Amino acid sequence: MKRFALILTLAVLVAGVASTPGSTASFNDSTPCPASGPLLVCPTMYVGQPVHLQLLAQNGCDVYRWEIVNGGLPAGLSMSSSGLVTGTPTAAGSTQPWVWVHDLTAPEGGPSWCGGDNHSERQFVFTVVGGAGAPTPPPSPTPQPALQITTASLQKATVGTPYTVTLAASGGGNLTWTMSAGSLPAGLTLAPAAARSPCAWTAAATLRRNSSVSSSSTS
């Protein structure tokens, strides 16, 4: 009889340990929504920009269930039972819902050792900014067309007579010209801006189209 009573007492003690609540589940006051007095203020959100915000808790059984018990989230957002806030805000404004977090106990599908139903309740601040307050995404770069020299031939020149001709190219913005092979006839130079300097021919020669062009940009 004494042995039966001892076993029964141990069983009661074990059951008591399994169901005794541990430290109370509480909200994380530093991230992702830092505390400002009694409120937990979440990062600013923007109209039309997707939100993926995981709320955090601590202590308790480390596995939690989340619920909004009063108020609501900004239009376009929702919160899962795991505390994940997702969606795309559709209007500017601010809401201050009350959020309840509590341990996910063994009967609810939580850890087998979690017998206590510890819980906490806090008020959050969600602010959505729209219009001029929303950051403007950088514009997509405009692809530049391929560079191509469009000057097909050059006018004839006479020895001893000043000669100037401007080469033309399509594509790109600010163009810089260089010689890619060969050389100019004696007395002529190639300016980077595509205008051959007004120098005189000093010898008879034939000038072939063999220049290269590159594009550069300035800000």
Protein backbone atom coordinates (compact mmCIF):
# COMPACT_ATOMS: atom_id res chain seq x y z
CA MET A 1 0.00 0.00 0.00
CA LYS A 2 2.84 2.34 0.87
CA ARG A 3 4.54 1.47 -2.42
CA PHE A 4 1.35 2.26 -4.36
CA ALA A 5 1.00 5.57 -2.53
CA LEU A 6 4.63 6.44 -3.35
CA ILE A 7 4.15 5.65 -7.04
CA LEU A 8 0.96 7.70 -7.11
CA THR A 9 2.74 10.63 -5.46
CA LEU A 10 5.57 10.49 -8.02
CA ALA A 11 3.07 10.38 -10.87
CA VAL A 12 1.34 13.47 -9.52
CA LEU A 13 4.68 15.26 -9.19
CA VAL A 14 5.71 14.39 -12.75
CA ALA A 15 2.35 15.55 -14.08
CA GLY A 16 2.73 18.75 -12.11
CA VAL A 17 6.16 19.42 -13.60
CA ALA A 18 4.87 18.84 -17.14
CA SER A 19 1.97 21.24 -16.74
CA THR A 20 3.62 23.92 -14.61
CA PRO A 21 4.10 27.07 -16.70
CA GLY A 22 7.69 28.21 -17.19
CA SER A 23 8.69 31.82 -17.68
CA THR A 24 5.97 33.84 -19.33
CA ALA A 25 6.09 34.19 -23.11
CA SER A 26 6.89 37.80 -23.95
CA PHE A 27 7.54 40.04 -26.94
CA ASN A 28 10.99 40.95 -28.20
CA ASP A 29 11.36 44.67 -27.43
CA SER A 30 14.34 45.29 -29.71
CA THR A 31 13.63 43.64 -33.06
CA PRO A 32 11.96 43.80 -35.51
CA CYS A 33 9.64 46.32 -33.83
CA PRO A 34 11.56 48.25 -31.13
CA ALA A 35 9.71 49.37 -28.03
CA SER A 36 8.71 53.01 -27.66
CA GLY A 37 7.18 53.19 -24.22
CA PRO A 38 4.41 50.58 -24.06
CA LEU A 39 4.18 50.37 -27.87
CA LEU A 40 6.15 48.20 -30.28
CA VAL A 41 6.83 50.33 -33.37
CA CYS A 42 7.43 48.40 -36.59
CA PRO A 43 9.55 49.71 -39.50
CA THR A 44 7.87 52.14 -41.89
CA MET A 45 6.16 50.45 -44.83
CA TYR A 46 5.34 51.86 -48.25
CA VAL A 47 2.31 51.70 -50.51
CA GLY A 48 2.85 49.20 -53.31
CA GLN A 49 5.99 47.65 -51.81
CA PRO A 50 5.78 44.04 -50.52
CA VAL A 51 6.14 43.43 -46.78
CA HIS A 52 7.73 40.38 -45.14
CA LEU A 53 8.01 40.98 -41.39
CA GLN A 54 8.44 38.20 -38.83
CA LEU A 55 7.33 39.20 -35.32
CA LEU A 56 9.41 37.70 -32.51
CA ALA A 57 8.72 36.49 -28.98
CA GLN A 58 10.89 35.04 -26.23
CA ASN A 59 10.77 32.82 -23.12
CA GLY A 60 7.87 30.41 -22.63
CA CYS A 61 8.10 27.22 -24.69
CA ASP A 62 9.84 28.92 -27.65
CA VAL A 63 7.05 27.85 -30.01
CA TYR A 64 4.24 30.37 -30.22
CA ARG A 65 0.89 31.14 -31.77
CA TRP A 66 0.01 34.71 -32.70
CA GLU A 67 -3.36 36.42 -32.92
CA ILE A 68 -4.68 39.95 -33.41
CA VAL A 69 -7.21 40.44 -30.64
CA ASN A 70 -8.16 44.07 -31.23
CA GLY A 71 -7.77 46.42 -34.18
CA GLY A 72 -6.23 45.38 -37.47
CA LEU A 73 -3.31 45.65 -39.83
CA PRO A 74 -3.05 48.23 -42.64
CA ALA A 75 -5.02 47.42 -45.78
CA GLY A 76 -3.30 44.79 -47.88
CA LEU A 77 -1.47 43.09 -44.99
CA SER A 78 -2.23 39.94 -43.02
CA MET A 79 -0.59 38.00 -40.19
CA SER A 80 -0.20 34.22 -40.01
CA SER A 81 -0.54 32.19 -36.82
CA SER A 82 3.27 32.07 -36.69
CA GLY A 83 3.51 35.88 -36.49
CA LEU A 84 4.58 36.50 -40.09
CA VAL A 85 3.19 39.75 -41.51
CA THR A 86 3.03 39.74 -45.31
CA GLY A 87 1.27 41.46 -48.18
CA THR A 88 1.46 44.71 -50.12
CA PRO A 89 0.03 47.87 -48.51
CA THR A 90 -2.63 49.54 -50.62
CA ALA A 91 -3.16 52.80 -48.72
CA ALA A 92 -1.19 55.16 -46.51
CA GLY A 93 -2.07 55.35 -42.83
CA SER A 94 -1.31 53.97 -39.38
CA THR A 95 -2.91 51.25 -37.25
CA GLN A 96 -2.26 50.15 -33.67
CA PRO A 97 -3.59 46.60 -33.22
CA TRP A 98 -3.28 44.56 -30.05
CA VAL A 99 -1.40 41.32 -30.66
CA TRP A 100 -1.57 38.24 -28.44
CA VAL A 101 1.23 35.67 -28.36
CA HIS A 102 1.04 32.45 -26.37
CA ASP A 103 2.79 29.11 -26.13
CA LEU A 104 1.82 26.44 -28.59
CA THR A 105 1.08 23.66 -26.11
CA ALA A 106 1.35 19.93 -26.73
CA PRO A 107 -2.42 19.47 -27.28
CA GLU A 108 -2.25 22.26 -29.89
CA GLY A 109 0.60 20.59 -31.77
CA GLY A 110 3.49 22.17 -29.91
CA PRO A 111 6.38 20.44 -28.10
CA SER A 112 5.38 17.46 -25.97
CA TRP A 113 7.02 19.02 -22.94
CA CYS A 114 5.08 22.30 -23.22
CA GLY A 115 2.24 22.06 -20.75
CA GLY A 116 1.86 25.68 -19.70
CA ASP A 117 -0.19 28.23 -21.64
CA ASN A 118 1.99 31.29 -21.09
CA HIS A 119 0.93 34.36 -23.00
CA SER A 120 1.42 38.11 -23.39
CA GLU A 121 -0.42 40.92 -25.10
CA ARG A 122 1.06 44.13 -26.56
CA GLN A 123 0.04 46.97 -28.81
CA PHE A 124 1.91 47.40 -32.10
CA VAL A 125 2.21 50.39 -34.43
CA PHE A 126 2.17 49.82 -38.20
CA THR A 127 2.71 52.89 -40.39
CA VAL A 128 2.33 52.93 -44.17
CA VAL A 129 3.62 55.87 -46.21
CA GLY A 130 2.47 56.60 -49.75
CA GLY A 131 2.85 59.20 -52.47
CA ALA A 132 5.82 61.50 -52.04
CA GLY A 133 6.97 59.61 -48.95
CA ALA A 134 7.61 56.39 -50.82
CA PRO A 135 11.12 55.98 -52.20
CA THR A 136 11.32 56.16 -55.97
CA PRO A 137 13.00 53.13 -57.49
CA PRO A 138 15.95 53.95 -59.74
CA PRO A 139 15.09 54.04 -63.45
CA SER A 140 16.11 51.10 -65.56
CA PRO A 141 19.16 51.84 -67.68
CA THR A 142 18.41 52.49 -71.33
CA PRO A 143 20.40 50.16 -73.55
CA GLN A 144 22.71 52.00 -75.91
CA PRO A 145 22.64 51.04 -79.59
CA ALA A 146 25.80 49.54 -81.01
CA LEU A 147 28.40 52.03 -82.20
CA GLN A 148 28.92 52.19 -85.92
CA ILE A 149 31.00 54.49 -88.13
CA THR A 150 28.67 55.92 -90.73
CA THR A 151 31.19 57.87 -92.81
CA ALA A 152 31.65 55.61 -95.83
CA SER A 153 34.19 57.67 -97.78
CA LEU A 154 36.29 60.84 -97.58
CA GLN A 155 36.61 63.64 -100.06
CA LYS A 156 39.82 63.90 -102.02
CA ALA A 157 42.52 66.27 -100.84
CA THR A 158 45.32 68.17 -102.55
CA VAL A 159 48.92 68.35 -101.39
CA GLY A 160 49.63 71.72 -99.79
CA THR A 161 45.95 72.59 -99.37
CA PRO A 162 44.35 72.69 -95.87
CA TYR A 163 42.06 69.75 -95.34
CA THR A 164 39.38 69.21 -92.69
CA VAL A 165 36.75 66.50 -92.52
CA THR A 166 34.50 65.33 -89.67
CA LEU A 167 33.79 61.65 -89.22
CA ALA A 168 30.30 60.53 -88.19
CA ALA A 169 29.09 57.58 -86.13
CA SER A 170 25.77 56.33 -84.80
CA GLY A 171 25.00 55.01 -81.34
CA GLY A 172 26.36 56.07 -77.95
CA GLY A 173 26.56 59.50 -76.39
CA ASN A 174 29.87 61.34 -76.07
CA LEU A 175 32.21 59.80 -78.63
CA THR A 176 35.98 59.60 -78.64
CA TRP A 177 37.90 58.66 -81.76
CA THR A 178 41.24 56.88 -82.00
CA MET A 179 43.27 55.17 -84.69
CA SER A 180 42.95 51.40 -84.43
CA ALA A 181 45.54 50.56 -87.09
CA GLY A 182 47.77 52.25 -89.63
CA SER A 183 48.47 55.98 -89.68
CA LEU A 184 47.33 59.18 -91.34
CA PRO A 185 49.15 60.75 -94.27
CA ALA A 186 51.98 63.09 -93.33
CA GLY A 187 50.67 66.44 -92.14
CA LEU A 188 47.29 65.19 -90.84
CA THR A 189 46.13 64.36 -87.31
CA LEU A 190 42.99 62.79 -85.85
CA ALA A 191 41.27 64.79 -83.12
CA PRO A 192 39.45 62.78 -80.38
CA ALA A 193 36.23 64.64 -81.22
CA ALA A 194 36.24 63.19 -84.74
CA ALA A 195 37.34 66.34 -86.60
CA ARG A 196 40.55 66.04 -88.53
CA SER A 197 42.63 69.12 -87.82
CA PRO A 198 42.95 71.64 -90.68
CA CYS A 199 46.43 70.71 -91.75
CA ALA A 200 47.83 70.59 -95.26
CA TRP A 201 48.78 67.47 -97.15
CA THR A 202 52.55 67.26 -97.49
CA ALA A 203 52.59 64.21 -99.73
CA ALA A 204 50.30 62.33 -102.05
CA ALA A 205 48.54 59.43 -100.29
CA THR A 206 45.34 57.43 -100.08
CA LEU A 207 43.35 57.55 -96.79
CA ARG A 208 41.38 54.42 -95.98
CA ARG A 209 38.50 54.09 -93.50
CA ASN A 210 40.17 52.27 -90.61
CA SER A 211 39.29 54.20 -87.45
CA SER A 212 37.64 53.05 -84.24
CA VAL A 213 35.18 54.85 -82.02
CA SER A 214 34.28 54.39 -78.36
CA SER A 215 31.56 55.87 -76.20
CA SER A 216 31.98 57.61 -72.86
CA SER A 217 29.59 59.39 -70.54
CA THR A 218 30.00 62.43 -68.34
CA SER A 219 27.96 63.51 -65.34
